[in-house]
């Protein structure tokens, strides 16, 4: 989905609640964005053009030094560091991660599983969401709308490991009604989570 200039939206993580703003602000605007957290409490974060430049650069390369970041966004190092810390404290920046090459580490299979549950009560949905934390093959999980209840992003060493997970873990779950799998052929795009 593409947002028009000056628009924003929220995403929801089922386990932690409402979290982030997806925004495409108008150029040179100072906007107040709200980050909704669990139980709908609202925390406001003022983001200006410099903050957005910082976020864009860090999303491209989270390893750069503060001095290099400051040069790229056009401010001196001390205010740049203050801004980064403010963004971290506000929860806009959640962390910094290395992007690993899965095949070079022996993980050759990437798949998606669409899971339909027999019962969709709040406790059943939360129980399944919590269970995903204990499944190493599941790298990301979303609660979704439509025919399925959850979408799982899985990374496995090979087809046998993935099949074992589907049969021994997913279909063995007493509340799982349907499991539909899609094996990926080739990744054609890999960019940061949001367009800034």
Protein backbone atom coordinates (compact mmCIF):
# COMPACT_ATOMS: atom_id res chain seq x y z
CA UNK A 1 0.00 0.00 0.00
CA UNK A 2 1.31 3.46 -0.86
CA UNK A 3 0.38 6.48 1.22
CA UNK A 4 -0.13 9.91 -0.31
CA UNK A 5 2.06 12.83 0.74
CA UNK A 6 1.10 13.89 4.24
CA UNK A 7 -0.66 10.65 5.22
CA UNK A 8 0.06 8.10 7.89
CA UNK A 9 -1.19 4.80 9.26
CA UNK A 10 -0.60 2.34 12.09
CA UNK A 11 0.52 -1.27 12.19
CA UNK A 12 -0.38 -3.78 14.87
CA UNK A 13 1.79 -6.49 16.37
CA UNK A 14 -0.64 -8.93 18.01
CA UNK A 15 1.66 -9.83 20.88
CA UNK A 16 2.78 -6.32 21.83
CA UNK A 17 -0.19 -4.26 20.62
CA UNK A 18 -0.25 -1.15 18.45
CA UNK A 19 3.26 -0.02 17.72
CA UNK A 20 4.39 2.02 14.75
CA UNK A 21 3.48 4.74 12.37
CA UNK A 22 3.94 4.22 8.65
CA UNK A 23 4.29 7.72 7.29
CA UNK A 24 5.02 9.52 4.07
CA UNK A 25 4.97 13.15 5.22
CA UNK A 26 4.89 16.10 2.93
CA UNK A 27 8.38 17.50 2.24
CA UNK A 28 9.77 19.92 4.86
CA UNK A 29 6.85 19.32 7.17
CA UNK A 30 6.97 19.04 10.93
CA UNK A 31 4.31 16.57 11.95
CA UNK A 32 3.24 15.08 15.18
CA UNK A 33 3.02 11.30 14.85
CA UNK A 34 1.43 9.10 17.49
CA UNK A 35 2.82 5.71 18.37
CA UNK A 36 0.00 3.66 19.85
CA UNK A 37 1.10 1.14 22.45
CA UNK A 38 -0.65 -1.71 24.23
CA UNK A 39 -4.01 -0.84 25.74
CA UNK A 40 -4.28 2.17 23.39
CA UNK A 41 -2.17 4.61 25.39
CA UNK A 42 -0.79 7.27 23.05
CA UNK A 43 2.75 8.62 22.96
CA UNK A 44 3.37 11.55 20.62
CA UNK A 45 6.61 11.95 18.73
CA UNK A 46 7.44 15.11 16.81
CA UNK A 47 9.35 14.21 13.62
CA UNK A 48 10.86 16.88 11.39
CA UNK A 49 12.74 16.59 8.09
CA UNK A 50 16.07 15.96 9.88
CA UNK A 51 14.56 13.14 11.98
CA UNK A 52 13.22 11.54 8.81
CA UNK A 53 16.64 11.83 7.13
CA UNK A 54 18.22 10.16 10.18
CA UNK A 55 15.70 7.31 10.04
CA UNK A 56 16.21 6.87 6.30
CA UNK A 57 20.00 6.69 6.64
CA UNK A 58 19.94 4.34 9.64
CA UNK A 59 17.49 2.04 7.88
CA UNK A 60 19.94 1.83 4.97
CA UNK A 61 23.03 1.36 7.17
CA UNK A 62 22.65 0.97 10.93
CA UNK A 63 26.40 0.46 11.40
CA UNK A 64 27.61 3.93 10.50
CA UNK A 65 29.17 6.11 13.16
CA UNK A 66 27.35 9.10 14.58
CA UNK A 67 29.85 11.41 12.84
CA UNK A 68 29.14 9.81 9.45
CA UNK A 69 25.38 9.95 10.09
CA UNK A 70 25.61 13.63 11.03
CA UNK A 71 27.50 14.38 7.80
CA UNK A 72 24.91 12.55 5.71
CA UNK A 73 21.97 14.44 7.22
CA UNK A 74 23.73 17.82 7.29
CA UNK A 75 24.05 18.58 11.02
CA UNK A 76 26.86 18.39 13.56
CA UNK A 77 27.50 15.23 15.60
CA UNK A 78 26.20 16.28 19.08
CA UNK A 79 22.65 17.25 17.98
CA UNK A 80 22.58 14.21 15.70
CA UNK A 81 23.31 11.92 18.66
CA UNK A 82 20.64 13.67 20.75
CA UNK A 83 18.09 13.13 17.98
CA UNK A 84 19.00 9.44 17.62
CA UNK A 85 18.66 8.93 21.37
CA UNK A 86 15.28 10.71 21.33
CA UNK A 87 14.10 8.42 18.53
CA UNK A 88 15.33 5.36 20.45
CA UNK A 89 13.66 6.46 23.69
CA UNK A 90 10.38 7.14 21.86
CA UNK A 91 10.44 3.62 20.42
CA UNK A 92 10.66 4.80 16.82
CA UNK A 93 14.04 3.03 16.57
CA UNK A 94 13.64 -0.39 18.19
CA UNK A 95 17.11 -1.80 17.53
CA UNK A 96 19.97 -2.37 15.10
CA UNK A 97 20.53 -5.69 13.34
CA UNK A 98 22.96 -7.31 10.92
CA UNK A 99 21.41 -8.66 7.70
CA UNK A 100 22.72 -12.21 7.35
CA UNK A 101 23.03 -14.27 4.18
CA UNK A 102 20.90 -17.32 5.04
CA UNK A 103 22.19 -19.65 2.27
CA UNK A 104 25.82 -19.01 3.27
CA UNK A 105 24.86 -20.14 6.78
CA UNK A 106 23.24 -23.33 5.45
CA UNK A 107 19.61 -22.16 5.45
CA UNK A 108 18.46 -22.85 1.90
CA UNK A 109 14.68 -22.84 2.26
CA UNK A 110 12.40 -19.86 2.83
CA UNK A 111 8.68 -20.53 3.09
CA UNK A 112 5.45 -18.95 4.23
CA UNK A 113 2.71 -20.78 6.13
CA UNK A 114 -0.87 -19.58 6.32
CA UNK A 115 -2.50 -20.95 9.46
CA UNK A 116 -6.23 -21.21 10.11
CA UNK A 117 -7.32 -21.92 13.68
CA UNK A 118 -10.38 -23.94 14.73
CA UNK A 119 -11.26 -21.42 17.46
CA UNK A 120 -10.46 -17.70 17.25
CA UNK A 121 -11.21 -16.56 20.78
CA UNK A 122 -8.88 -13.96 22.23
CA UNK A 123 -7.16 -16.56 24.43
CA UNK A 124 -6.68 -18.98 21.50
CA UNK A 125 -5.21 -16.27 19.28
CA UNK A 126 -2.87 -15.13 22.05
CA UNK A 127 -1.83 -18.72 22.79
CA UNK A 128 -0.88 -19.36 19.16
CA UNK A 129 0.92 -16.02 18.90
CA UNK A 130 2.91 -16.83 22.05
CA UNK A 131 3.74 -20.33 20.76
CA UNK A 132 5.47 -18.86 17.69
CA UNK A 133 8.18 -17.46 19.97
CA UNK A 134 9.34 -21.02 20.71
CA UNK A 135 9.63 -22.12 17.07
CA UNK A 136 13.13 -21.33 15.73
CA UNK A 137 12.12 -21.88 12.10
CA UNK A 138 9.54 -19.09 12.38
CA UNK A 139 11.46 -15.85 11.88
CA UNK A 140 8.44 -13.52 11.69
CA UNK A 141 4.74 -13.99 12.35
CA UNK A 142 1.68 -11.87 11.74
CA UNK A 143 -1.97 -12.15 12.69
CA UNK A 144 -3.86 -11.53 9.46
CA UNK A 145 -7.38 -10.96 8.19
CA UNK A 146 -9.10 -13.10 5.58
CA UNK A 147 -9.26 -16.88 5.26
CA UNK A 148 -6.22 -17.48 7.49
CA UNK A 149 -5.52 -16.28 11.02
CA UNK A 150 -1.70 -16.18 10.96
CA UNK A 151 1.06 -15.81 8.39
CA UNK A 152 4.41 -17.34 9.34
CA UNK A 153 7.72 -16.56 7.64
CA UNK A 154 9.89 -19.67 8.01
CA UNK A 155 13.57 -20.27 7.25
CA UNK A 156 14.89 -23.86 7.29
CA UNK A 157 18.06 -25.68 6.32
CA UNK A 158 16.22 -27.87 3.81
CA UNK A 159 12.84 -29.22 2.75
CA UNK A 160 12.97 -32.13 5.21
CA UNK A 161 13.47 -29.80 8.18
CA UNK A 162 10.56 -27.64 7.03
CA UNK A 163 8.28 -30.65 6.43
CA UNK A 164 9.08 -32.00 9.91
CA UNK A 165 8.12 -28.63 11.41
CA UNK A 166 4.83 -28.51 9.50
CA UNK A 167 3.87 -32.10 10.39
CA UNK A 168 5.23 -32.42 13.93
CA UNK A 169 4.53 -28.91 15.21
CA UNK A 170 1.90 -27.08 13.18
CA UNK A 171 -0.53 -29.85 12.25
CA UNK A 172 -0.05 -31.47 15.66
CA UNK A 173 -1.42 -28.35 17.39
CA UNK A 174 -4.96 -29.21 18.51
CA UNK A 175 -6.29 -25.76 17.60
CA UNK A 176 -4.78 -25.65 14.08
CA UNK A 177 -7.43 -26.31 11.45
CA UNK A 178 -5.57 -25.59 8.20
CA UNK A 179 -1.94 -25.16 7.16
CA UNK A 180 -1.18 -23.88 3.67
CA UNK A 181 2.46 -23.56 2.67
CA UNK A 182 4.26 -21.62 -0.05
CA UNK A 183 7.91 -22.30 -0.84
CA UNK A 184 9.83 -19.35 -2.24
CA UNK A 185 11.82 -19.68 -5.45
CA UNK A 186 13.97 -16.55 -5.36
CA UNK A 187 13.95 -13.30 -3.41
CA UNK A 188 13.52 -10.38 -5.78
CA UNK A 189 13.38 -7.44 -3.35
CA UNK A 190 14.80 -6.75 0.09
CA UNK A 191 14.51 -3.27 1.57
CA UNK A 192 13.86 -1.67 4.94
CA UNK A 193 10.54 -2.16 6.70
CA UNK A 194 9.03 1.23 5.83
CA UNK A 195 9.53 3.85 3.15
CA UNK A 196 10.71 7.07 4.74
